[in-house]
Amino acid sequence: MKEEKFDGQIFLDEADLPSQRETMPTEEVIWESDESHPYEILIETDSKSEVIFQRLLAKWVDPTTPPKIRNKCVKMCGFGPLRTCCGWKLQKKWYYRKATLVVSTKEPADIKKTVEGCIKVAAIAAAIVAIVSGGSAAVATAEKMLTACLTEKLGSNLASVRISLNGGWGNWE
Protein backbone atom coordinates (compact mmCIF):
# COMPACT_ATOMS: atom_id res chain seq x y z
CA MET A 1 0.00 0.00 0.00
CA LYS A 2 1.31 3.45 -0.91
CA GLU A 3 2.10 5.68 2.07
CA GLU A 4 -0.27 8.63 2.23
CA LYS A 5 0.82 12.15 3.15
CA PHE A 6 -1.63 14.51 4.79
CA ASP A 7 -1.55 18.30 5.04
CA GLY A 8 -2.70 18.11 8.65
CA GLN A 9 -3.67 15.80 11.49
CA ILE A 10 -5.86 16.16 14.57
CA PHE A 11 -5.00 13.98 17.56
CA LEU A 12 -8.15 13.09 19.53
CA ASP A 13 -6.70 10.26 21.57
CA GLU A 14 -3.32 9.95 23.25
CA ALA A 15 -2.76 6.68 21.35
CA ASP A 16 -2.93 8.65 18.06
CA LEU A 17 -0.05 10.94 18.99
CA PRO A 18 3.06 10.58 16.83
CA SER A 19 6.37 9.64 18.36
CA GLN A 20 8.68 12.53 19.23
CA ARG A 21 10.69 11.84 16.07
CA GLU A 22 7.57 12.07 13.86
CA THR A 23 6.47 15.27 15.58
CA MET A 24 9.45 17.20 14.29
CA PRO A 25 9.80 16.85 10.50
CA THR A 26 13.63 16.92 10.53
CA GLU A 27 16.62 17.54 12.72
CA GLU A 28 17.12 20.85 10.93
CA VAL A 29 13.69 22.11 11.95
CA ILE A 30 13.66 24.72 14.66
CA TRP A 31 10.23 25.16 16.23
CA GLU A 32 9.93 28.71 17.36
CA SER A 33 7.22 30.17 19.47
CA ASP A 34 4.90 32.28 17.37
CA GLU A 35 4.11 35.10 19.76
CA SER A 36 1.90 36.83 17.18
CA HIS A 37 -0.60 33.95 17.28
CA PRO A 38 -1.03 32.76 20.87
CA TYR A 39 -4.62 31.98 21.71
CA GLU A 40 -5.72 32.35 25.31
CA ILE A 41 -8.93 30.57 26.23
CA LEU A 42 -9.08 31.25 29.97
CA ILE A 43 -6.66 33.07 32.18
CA GLU A 44 -6.89 33.39 35.93
CA THR A 45 -3.36 34.21 36.93
CA ASP A 46 -2.03 32.71 40.10
CA SER A 47 1.66 32.90 40.92
CA LYS A 48 1.55 29.41 42.46
CA SER A 49 0.05 27.72 39.39
CA GLU A 50 2.20 25.29 37.47
CA VAL A 51 1.80 23.59 34.12
CA ILE A 52 0.72 20.06 34.83
CA PHE A 53 -0.62 18.93 31.47
CA GLN A 54 0.62 19.61 27.97
CA ARG A 55 -0.52 17.77 24.84
CA LEU A 56 -0.21 18.10 21.08
CA LEU A 57 -3.66 18.69 19.58
CA ALA A 58 -2.95 19.06 15.85
CA LYS A 59 -0.32 19.74 13.23
CA TRP A 60 -0.81 20.96 9.67
CA VAL A 61 0.80 22.65 6.68
CA ASP A 62 0.33 26.41 7.01
CA PRO A 63 -1.80 27.44 4.00
CA THR A 64 -0.76 31.11 4.31
CA THR A 65 3.00 30.49 4.01
CA PRO A 66 4.35 29.65 0.55
CA PRO A 67 6.88 26.83 0.42
CA LYS A 68 10.61 27.38 0.01
CA ILE A 69 11.74 26.07 -3.38
CA ARG A 70 15.18 25.03 -4.63
CA ASN A 71 16.80 23.13 -7.51
CA LYS A 72 19.10 20.28 -6.58
CA CYS A 73 21.51 18.49 -8.87
CA VAL A 74 20.69 14.76 -8.94
CA LYS A 75 22.82 13.63 -11.91
CA MET A 76 26.30 14.64 -13.06
CA CYS A 77 27.44 14.15 -16.65
CA GLY A 78 30.87 14.65 -18.07
CA PHE A 79 33.42 14.04 -20.71
CA GLY A 80 36.91 13.40 -19.48
CA PRO A 81 37.78 15.70 -16.57
CA LEU A 82 34.89 18.09 -17.31
CA ARG A 83 31.75 17.45 -15.31
CA THR A 84 28.49 19.37 -15.16
CA CYS A 85 25.02 18.83 -13.79
CA CYS A 86 22.66 17.32 -16.36
CA GLY A 87 19.79 16.33 -14.07
CA TRP A 88 17.93 18.66 -11.75
CA LYS A 89 15.20 18.08 -9.20
CA LEU A 90 12.84 20.77 -7.93
CA GLN A 91 12.35 20.48 -4.16
CA LYS A 92 9.86 22.13 -1.79
CA LYS A 93 9.94 22.72 1.94
CA TRP A 94 6.62 23.46 3.70
CA TYR A 95 5.96 25.47 6.87
CA TYR A 96 4.13 23.46 9.55
CA ARG A 97 2.01 24.66 12.46
CA LYS A 98 1.43 22.79 15.74
CA ALA A 99 -1.32 23.46 18.28
CA THR A 100 -0.48 22.41 21.84
CA LEU A 101 -2.92 22.44 24.75
CA VAL A 102 -1.43 23.63 28.05
CA VAL A 103 -3.51 23.29 31.24
CA SER A 104 -2.41 24.40 34.69
CA THR A 105 -4.10 24.12 38.07
CA LYS A 106 -3.79 25.90 41.39
CA GLU A 107 -3.17 22.69 43.32
CA PRO A 108 -1.29 19.64 41.99
CA ALA A 109 -3.71 17.02 40.65
CA ASP A 110 -3.80 14.17 38.13
CA ILE A 111 -6.01 15.61 35.39
CA LYS A 112 -4.86 13.56 32.39
CA LYS A 113 -8.10 11.55 32.01
CA THR A 114 -10.24 14.65 32.59
CA VAL A 115 -8.43 16.64 29.90
CA GLU A 116 -8.49 13.73 27.43
CA GLY A 117 -12.27 13.37 27.95
CA CYS A 118 -12.83 17.10 27.46
CA ILE A 119 -10.77 17.08 24.24
CA LYS A 120 -13.05 14.37 22.83
CA VAL A 121 -16.22 16.24 23.88
CA ALA A 122 -14.91 19.45 22.25
CA ALA A 123 -13.93 17.60 19.05
CA ILE A 124 -17.36 16.00 18.69
CA ALA A 125 -19.10 19.34 19.22
CA ALA A 126 -16.77 21.01 16.70
CA ALA A 127 -17.43 18.29 14.11
CA ILE A 128 -21.20 18.68 14.45
CA VAL A 129 -20.98 22.47 14.17
CA ALA A 130 -18.58 22.17 11.21
CA ILE A 131 -21.14 20.08 9.32
CA VAL A 132 -23.94 22.55 10.07
CA SER A 133 -21.96 25.78 9.50
CA GLY A 134 -19.65 24.63 6.75
CA GLY A 135 -16.69 24.83 9.11
CA SER A 136 -16.78 28.51 9.97
CA ALA A 137 -17.83 28.12 13.62
CA ALA A 138 -16.05 24.84 14.44
CA VAL A 139 -12.93 26.26 16.12
CA ALA A 140 -14.86 28.70 18.31
CA THR A 141 -17.21 25.89 19.38
CA ALA A 142 -14.31 23.59 20.24
CA GLU A 143 -12.68 26.30 22.36
CA LYS A 144 -15.90 27.07 24.24
CA MET A 145 -16.69 23.39 24.84
CA LEU A 146 -13.16 22.63 26.03
CA THR A 147 -13.20 25.55 28.45
CA ALA A 148 -16.69 24.73 29.73
CA CYS A 149 -15.87 21.04 30.22
CA LEU A 150 -12.62 21.73 32.07
CA THR A 151 -14.26 24.41 34.22
CA GLU A 152 -17.08 22.02 35.12
CA LYS A 153 -14.82 19.08 35.97
CA LEU A 154 -11.91 20.88 37.66
CA GLY A 155 -13.87 23.71 39.25
CA SER A 156 -11.92 26.29 41.22
CA ASN A 157 -8.69 24.28 40.89
CA LEU A 158 -8.39 25.30 37.20
CA ALA A 159 -5.84 28.11 36.85
CA SER A 160 -5.48 28.44 33.07
CA VAL A 161 -6.08 26.80 29.74
CA ARG A 162 -4.32 27.90 26.60
CA ILE A 163 -3.63 26.64 23.13
CA SER A 164 -0.21 27.68 21.91
CA LEU A 165 0.66 27.72 18.22
CA ASN A 166 4.22 26.99 17.14
CA GLY A 167 5.70 26.63 13.70
CA GLY A 168 8.72 25.40 11.78
CA TRP A 169 9.96 24.34 8.37
CA GLY A 170 9.75 20.66 7.39
CA ASN A 171 11.95 18.48 5.17
CA TRP A 172 12.91 19.11 1.59
CA GLU A 173 10.64 16.99 -0.61
C-alpha atoms as a PDB file:
ATOM      1  CA  MET A   1       0.000   0.000   0.000  1.00  0.00           C
ATOM      2  CA  LYS A   2       1.315   3.452  -0.911  1.00  0.00           C
ATOM      3  CA  GLU A   3       2.105   5.677   2.071  1.00  0.00           C
ATOM      4  CA  GLU A   4      -0.274   8.633   2.227  1.00  0.00           C
ATOM      5  CA  LYS A   5       0.823  12.148   3.153  1.00  0.00           C
ATOM      6  CA  PHE A   6      -1.632  14.507   4.789  1.00  0.00           C
ATOM      7  CA  ASP A   7      -1.554  18.297   5.042  1.00  0.00           C
ATOM      8  CA  GLY A   8      -2.700  18.109   8.653  1.00  0.00           C
ATOM      9  CA  GLN A   9      -3.674  15.799  11.489  1.00  0.00           C
ATOM     10  CA  ILE A  10      -5.858  16.155  14.570  1.00  0.00           C
ATOM     11  CA  PHE A  11      -5.004  13.982  17.563  1.00  0.00           C
ATOM     12  CA  LEU A  12      -8.149  13.093  19.527  1.00  0.00           C
ATOM     13  CA  ASP A  13      -6.699  10.261  21.569  1.00  0.00           C
ATOM     14  CA  GLU A  14      -3.325   9.953  23.249  1.00  0.00           C
ATOM     15  CA  ALA A  15      -2.758   6.685  21.351  1.00  0.00           C
ATOM     16  CA  ASP A  16      -2.929   8.646  18.055  1.00  0.00           C
ATOM     17  CA  LEU A  17      -0.054  10.944  18.990  1.00  0.00           C
ATOM     18  CA  PRO A  18       3.057  10.583  16.830  1.00  0.00           C
ATOM     19  CA  SER A  19       6.369   9.637  18.364  1.00  0.00           C
ATOM     20  CA  GLN A  20       8.679  12.527  19.232  1.00  0.00           C
ATOM     21  CA  ARG A  21      10.689  11.842  16.073  1.00  0.00           C
ATOM     22  CA  GLU A  22       7.570  12.067  13.858  1.00  0.00           C
ATOM     23  CA  THR A  23       6.471  15.268  15.584  1.00  0.00           C
ATOM     24  CA  MET A  24       9.451  17.196  14.290  1.00  0.00           C
ATOM     25  CA  PRO A  25       9.798  16.849  10.500  1.00  0.00           C
ATOM     26  CA  THR A  26      13.633  16.915  10.531  1.00  0.00           C
ATOM     27  CA  GLU A  27      16.615  17.536  12.724  1.00  0.00           C
ATOM     28  CA  GLU A  28      17.121  20.845  10.930  1.00  0.00           C
ATOM     29  CA  VAL A  29      13.689  22.108  11.953  1.00  0.00           C
ATOM     30  CA  ILE A  30      13.659  24.722  14.664  1.00  0.00           C
ATOM     31  CA  TRP A  31      10.225  25.161  16.228  1.00  0.00           C
ATOM     32  CA  GLU A  32       9.929  28.707  17.356  1.00  0.00           C
ATOM     33  CA  SER A  33       7.217  30.175  19.468  1.00  0.00           C
ATOM     34  CA  ASP A  34       4.899  32.283  17.367  1.00  0.00           C
ATOM     35  CA  GLU A  35       4.106  35.101  19.758  1.00  0.00           C
ATOM     36  CA  SER A  36       1.904  36.830  17.180  1.00  0.00           C
ATOM     37  CA  HIS A  37      -0.603  33.948  17.283  1.00  0.00           C
ATOM     38  CA  PRO A  38      -1.032  32.756  20.866  1.00  0.00           C
ATOM     39  CA  TYR A  39      -4.617  31.984  21.714  1.00  0.00           C
ATOM     40  CA  GLU A  40      -5.717  32.351  25.312  1.00  0.00           C
ATOM     41  CA  ILE A  41      -8.931  30.571  26.232  1.00  0.00           C
ATOM     42  CA  LEU A  42      -9.085  31.248  29.966  1.00  0.00           C
ATOM     43  CA  ILE A  43      -6.658  33.067  32.179  1.00  0.00           C
ATOM     44  CA  GLU A  44      -6.889  33.386  35.931  1.00  0.00           C
ATOM     45  CA  THR A  45      -3.356  34.214  36.932  1.00  0.00           C
ATOM     46  CA  ASP A  46      -2.032  32.708  40.104  1.00  0.00           C
ATOM     47  CA  SER A  47       1.664  32.898  40.923  1.00  0.00           C
ATOM     48  CA  LYS A  48       1.554  29.407  42.465  1.00  0.00           C
ATOM     49  CA  SER A  49       0.050  27.724  39.393  1.00  0.00           C
ATOM     50  CA  GLU A  50       2.197  25.293  37.470  1.00  0.00           C
ATOM     51  CA  VAL A  51       1.799  23.588  34.120  1.00  0.00           C
ATOM     52  CA  ILE A  52       0.717  20.058  34.831  1.00  0.00           C
ATOM     53  CA  PHE A  53      -0.623  18.930  31.474  1.00  0.00           C
ATOM     54  CA  GLN A  54       0.621  19.612  27.969  1.00  0.00           C
ATOM     55  CA  ARG A  55      -0.521  17.768  24.839  1.00  0.00           C
ATOM     56  CA  LEU A  56      -0.215  18.096  21.079  1.00  0.00           C
ATOM     57  CA  LEU A  57      -3.663  18.688  19.575  1.00  0.00           C
ATOM     58  CA  ALA A  58      -2.950  19.064  15.853  1.00  0.00           C
ATOM     59  CA  LYS A  59      -0.318  19.742  13.233  1.00  0.00           C
ATOM     60  CA  TRP A  60      -0.807  20.960   9.669  1.00  0.00           C
ATOM     61  CA  VAL A  61       0.803  22.646   6.678  1.00  0.00           C
ATOM     62  CA  ASP A  62       0.330  26.411   7.009  1.00  0.00           C
ATOM     63  CA  PRO A  63      -1.798  27.438   3.998  1.00  0.00           C
ATOM     64  CA  THR A  64      -0.763  31.106   4.306  1.00  0.00           C
ATOM     65  CA  THR A  65       2.999  30.493   4.005  1.00  0.00           C
ATOM     66  CA  PRO A  66       4.349  29.655   0.546  1.00  0.00           C
ATOM     67  CA  PRO A  67       6.885  26.831   0.417  1.00  0.00           C
ATOM     68  CA  LYS A  68      10.611  27.376   0.011  1.00  0.00           C
ATOM     69  CA  ILE A  69      11.739  26.066  -3.379  1.00  0.00           C
ATOM     70  CA  ARG A  70      15.179  25.032  -4.629  1.00  0.00           C
ATOM     71  CA  ASN A  71      16.796  23.129  -7.505  1.00  0.00           C
ATOM     72  CA  LYS A  72      19.104  20.279  -6.577  1.00  0.00           C
ATOM     73  CA  CYS A  73      21.511  18.490  -8.875  1.00  0.00           C
ATOM     74  CA  VAL A  74      20.686  14.762  -8.942  1.00  0.00           C
ATOM     75  CA  LYS A  75      22.819  13.628 -11.908  1.00  0.00           C
ATOM     76  CA  MET A  76      26.297  14.641 -13.060  1.00  0.00           C
ATOM     77  CA  CYS A  77      27.440  14.153 -16.652  1.00  0.00           C
ATOM     78  CA  GLY A  78      30.873  14.648 -18.073  1.00  0.00           C
ATOM     79  CA  PHE A  79      33.419  14.045 -20.713  1.00  0.00           C
ATOM     80  CA  GLY A  80      36.910  13.403 -19.478  1.00  0.00           C
ATOM     81  CA  PRO A  81      37.775  15.700 -16.574  1.00  0.00           C
ATOM     82  CA  LEU A  82      34.887  18.092 -17.306  1.00  0.00           C
ATOM     83  CA  ARG A  83      31.749  17.445 -15.309  1.00  0.00           C
ATOM     84  CA  THR A  84      28.492  19.368 -15.158  1.00  0.00           C
ATOM     85  CA  CYS A  85      25.019  18.832 -13.791  1.00  0.00           C
ATOM     86  CA  CYS A  86      22.661  17.323 -16.357  1.00  0.00           C
ATOM     87  CA  GLY A  87      19.791  16.327 -14.072  1.00  0.00           C
ATOM     88  CA  TRP A  88      17.926  18.664 -11.752  1.00  0.00           C
ATOM     89  CA  LYS A  89      15.197  18.079  -9.205  1.00  0.00           C
ATOM     90  CA  LEU A  90      12.845  20.771  -7.931  1.00  0.00           C
ATOM     91  CA  GLN A  91      12.355  20.478  -4.156  1.00  0.00           C
ATOM     92  CA  LYS A  92       9.861  22.133  -1.790  1.00  0.00           C
ATOM     93  CA  LYS A  93       9.937  22.718   1.936  1.00  0.00           C
ATOM     94  CA  TRP A  94       6.618  23.456   3.703  1.00  0.00           C
ATOM     95  CA  TYR A  95       5.962  25.470   6.868  1.00  0.00           C
ATOM     96  CA  TYR A  96       4.127  23.462   9.550  1.00  0.00           C
ATOM     97  CA  ARG A  97       2.010  24.660  12.461  1.00  0.00           C
ATOM     98  CA  LYS A  98       1.429  22.795  15.745  1.00  0.00           C
ATOM     99  CA  ALA A  99      -1.321  23.463  18.282  1.00  0.00           C
ATOM    100  CA  THR A 100      -0.483  22.413  21.838  1.00  0.00           C
ATOM    101  CA  LEU A 101      -2.917  22.438  24.751  1.00  0.00           C
ATOM    102  CA  VAL A 102      -1.428  23.634  28.049  1.00  0.00           C
ATOM    103  CA  VAL A 103      -3.505  23.286  31.245  1.00  0.00           C
ATOM    104  CA  SER A 104      -2.408  24.396  34.695  1.00  0.00           C
ATOM    105  CA  THR A 105      -4.103  24.119  38.068  1.00  0.00           C
ATOM    106  CA  LYS A 106      -3.789  25.904  41.389  1.00  0.00           C
ATOM    107  CA  GLU A 107      -3.174  22.693  43.325  1.00  0.00           C
ATOM    108  CA  PRO A 108      -1.291  19.640  41.985  1.00  0.00           C
ATOM    109  CA  ALA A 109      -3.712  17.015  40.651  1.00  0.00           C
ATOM    110  CA  ASP A 110      -3.798  14.167  38.135  1.00  0.00           C
ATOM    111  CA  ILE A 111      -6.013  15.612  35.390  1.00  0.00           C
ATOM    112  CA  LYS A 112      -4.863  13.557  32.392  1.00  0.00           C
ATOM    113  CA  LYS A 113      -8.100  11.547  32.015  1.00  0.00           C
ATOM    114  CA  THR A 114     -10.235  14.647  32.592  1.00  0.00           C
ATOM    115  CA  VAL A 115      -8.426  16.640  29.905  1.00  0.00           C
ATOM    116  CA  GLU A 116      -8.495  13.727  27.434  1.00  0.00           C
ATOM    117  CA  GLY A 117     -12.272  13.371  27.955  1.00  0.00           C
ATOM    118  CA  CYS A 118     -12.829  17.098  27.462  1.00  0.00           C
ATOM    119  CA  ILE A 119     -10.767  17.082  24.241  1.00  0.00           C
ATOM    120  CA  LYS A 120     -13.047  14.375  22.827  1.00  0.00           C
ATOM    121  CA  VAL A 121     -16.217  16.241  23.877  1.00  0.00           C
ATOM    122  CA  ALA A 122     -14.911  19.446  22.247  1.00  0.00           C
ATOM    123  CA  ALA A 123     -13.929  17.597  19.055  1.00  0.00           C
ATOM    124  CA  ILE A 124     -17.360  15.997  18.689  1.00  0.00           C
ATOM    125  CA  ALA A 125     -19.099  19.342  19.221  1.00  0.00           C
ATOM    126  CA  ALA A 126     -16.769  21.008  16.702  1.00  0.00           C
ATOM    127  CA  ALA A 127     -17.431  18.286  14.109  1.00  0.00           C
ATOM    128  CA  ILE A 128     -21.203  18.684  14.449  1.00  0.00           C
ATOM    129  CA  VAL A 129     -20.983  22.467  14.173  1.00  0.00           C
ATOM    130  CA  ALA A 130     -18.581  22.172  11.209  1.00  0.00           C
ATOM    131  CA  ILE A 131     -21.139  20.081   9.320  1.00  0.00           C
ATOM    132  CA  VAL A 132     -23.937  22.548  10.068  1.00  0.00           C
ATOM    133  CA  SER A 133     -21.964  25.777   9.503  1.00  0.00           C
ATOM    134  CA  GLY A 134     -19.649  24.628   6.745  1.00  0.00           C
ATOM    135  CA  GLY A 135     -16.692  24.826   9.114  1.00  0.00           C
ATOM    136  CA  SER A 136     -16.776  28.514   9.970  1.00  0.00           C
ATOM    137  CA  ALA A 137     -17.825  28.124  13.620  1.00  0.00           C
ATOM    138  CA  ALA A 138     -16.052  24.845  14.445  1.00  0.00           C
ATOM    139  CA  VAL A 139     -12.935  26.259  16.120  1.00  0.00           C
ATOM    140  CA  ALA A 140     -14.859  28.701  18.310  1.00  0.00           C
ATOM    141  CA  THR A 141     -17.207  25.895  19.385  1.00  0.00           C
ATOM    142  CA  ALA A 142     -14.308  23.587  20.240  1.00  0.00           C
ATOM    143  CA  GLU A 143     -12.681  26.299  22.356  1.00  0.00           C
ATOM    144  CA  LYS A 144     -15.900  27.069  24.240  1.00  0.00           C
ATOM    145  CA  MET A 145     -16.694  23.391  24.844  1.00  0.00           C
ATOM    146  CA  LEU A 146     -13.160  22.627  26.029  1.00  0.00           C
ATOM    147  CA  THR A 147     -13.198  25.553  28.454  1.00  0.00           C
ATOM    148  CA  ALA A 148     -16.695  24.726  29.734  1.00  0.00           C
ATOM    149  CA  CYS A 149     -15.869  21.036  30.219  1.00  0.00           C
ATOM    150  CA  LEU A 150     -12.623  21.730  32.071  1.00  0.00           C
ATOM    151  CA  THR A 151     -14.258  24.406  34.223  1.00  0.00           C
ATOM    152  CA  GLU A 152     -17.084  22.015  35.123  1.00  0.00           C
ATOM    153  CA  LYS A 153     -14.817  19.075  35.971  1.00  0.00           C
ATOM    154  CA  LEU A 154     -11.907  20.883  37.657  1.00  0.00           C
ATOM    155  CA  GLY A 155     -13.873  23.710  39.250  1.00  0.00           C
ATOM    156  CA  SER A 156     -11.922  26.294  41.221  1.00  0.00           C
ATOM    157  CA  ASN A 157      -8.694  24.280  40.894  1.00  0.00           C
ATOM    158  CA  LEU A 158      -8.387  25.296  37.203  1.00  0.00           C
ATOM    159  CA  ALA A 159      -5.843  28.105  36.848  1.00  0.00           C
ATOM    160  CA  SER A 160      -5.484  28.444  33.069  1.00  0.00           C
ATOM    161  CA  VAL A 161      -6.082  26.795  29.738  1.00  0.00           C
ATOM    162  CA  ARG A 162      -4.321  27.898  26.604  1.00  0.00           C
ATOM    163  CA  ILE A 163      -3.630  26.639  23.130  1.00  0.00           C
ATOM    164  CA  SER A 164      -0.212  27.682  21.915  1.00  0.00           C
ATOM    165  CA  LEU A 165       0.663  27.722  18.224  1.00  0.00           C
ATOM    166  CA  ASN A 166       4.220  26.988  17.139  1.00  0.00           C
ATOM    167  CA  GLY A 167       5.696  26.629  13.702  1.00  0.00           C
ATOM    168  CA  GLY A 168       8.716  25.398  11.782  1.00  0.00           C
ATOM    169  CA  TRP A 169       9.963  24.338   8.367  1.00  0.00           C
ATOM    170  CA  GLY A 170       9.747  20.663   7.388  1.00  0.00           C
ATOM    171  CA  ASN A 171      11.948  18.480   5.175  1.00  0.00           C
ATOM    172  CA  TRP A 172      12.908  19.106   1.588  1.00  0.00           C
ATOM    173  CA  GLU A 173      10.638  16.990  -0.613  1.00  0.00           C
END
